[in-house]
Amino acid sequence: MSVKEQLHEVADSLPEGATYEDAMQAIYVRMKFAQGKQDIAEGRFLTVEEARAKLLKWRA
């Protein structure tokens, strides 16, 4: 799906009284989900155990 099609989809999903801020937030969230899915597909993620270990290290 092209960016233009995605923008139309976001616009169509917004309520009638939506603001520009609402639209920007919806676009931002959609973009971040897409980036996250791409990261997972390319193996750029931590398991829960790895994340816990990293947090414990930072706290020490």
Protein backbone atom coordinates (compact mmCIF):
# COMPACT_ATOMS: atom_id res chain seq x y z
CA MET A 1 0.00 0.00 0.00
CA SER A 2 1.43 3.39 -0.94
CA VAL A 3 1.95 6.21 1.55
CA LYS A 4 -0.80 8.17 -0.15
CA GLU A 5 -3.23 5.25 0.26
CA GLN A 6 -2.23 4.89 3.90
CA LEU A 7 -2.84 8.60 4.51
CA HIS A 8 -6.28 8.30 2.96
CA GLU A 9 -7.01 5.31 5.19
CA VAL A 10 -5.94 7.25 8.29
CA ALA A 11 -8.03 10.25 7.27
CA ASP A 12 -11.07 8.05 6.65
CA SER A 13 -10.69 6.46 10.10
CA LEU A 14 -10.68 9.78 12.00
CA PRO A 15 -13.86 11.08 13.60
CA GLU A 16 -15.61 14.06 12.00
CA GLY A 17 -14.31 16.58 14.54
CA ALA A 18 -10.68 15.42 14.39
CA THR A 19 -7.93 18.02 14.59
CA TYR A 20 -4.62 18.20 12.75
CA GLU A 21 -3.02 16.96 15.98
CA ASP A 22 -5.32 13.92 15.96
CA ALA A 23 -4.31 13.19 12.37
CA MET A 24 -0.60 13.60 13.11
CA GLN A 25 -0.89 11.32 16.13
CA ALA A 26 -2.66 8.64 14.08
CA ILE A 27 0.00 8.86 11.36
CA TYR A 28 2.80 8.71 13.95
CA VAL A 29 1.35 5.63 15.65
CA ARG A 30 0.87 3.86 12.32
CA MET A 31 4.45 4.70 11.30
CA LYS A 32 5.89 3.41 14.59
CA PHE A 33 3.95 0.14 14.32
CA ALA A 34 5.27 -0.34 10.78
CA GLN A 35 8.83 0.35 11.94
CA GLY A 36 8.42 -2.12 14.81
CA LYS A 37 7.13 -4.82 12.48
CA GLN A 38 10.11 -4.20 10.18
CA ASP A 39 12.53 -4.40 13.12
CA ILE A 40 11.04 -7.72 14.21
CA ALA A 41 11.21 -9.09 10.65
CA GLU A 42 14.90 -8.13 10.50
CA GLY A 43 15.69 -9.59 13.93
CA ARG A 44 16.21 -6.26 15.72
CA PHE A 45 14.51 -6.97 19.04
CA LEU A 46 15.21 -8.25 22.54
CA THR A 47 13.55 -11.14 24.30
CA VAL A 48 11.93 -10.41 27.66
CA GLU A 49 14.87 -12.05 29.39
CA GLU A 50 17.39 -9.94 27.45
CA ALA A 51 15.48 -6.74 28.23
CA ARG A 52 15.30 -7.61 31.94
CA ALA A 53 19.03 -8.33 32.05
CA LYS A 54 19.79 -5.02 30.33
CA LEU A 55 17.54 -3.09 32.75
CA LEU A 56 19.13 -4.75 35.77
CA LYS A 57 22.56 -3.83 34.41
CA TRP A 58 21.51 -0.17 33.99
CA ARG A 59 20.13 -0.02 37.51
CA ALA A 60 23.34 -1.39 39.06
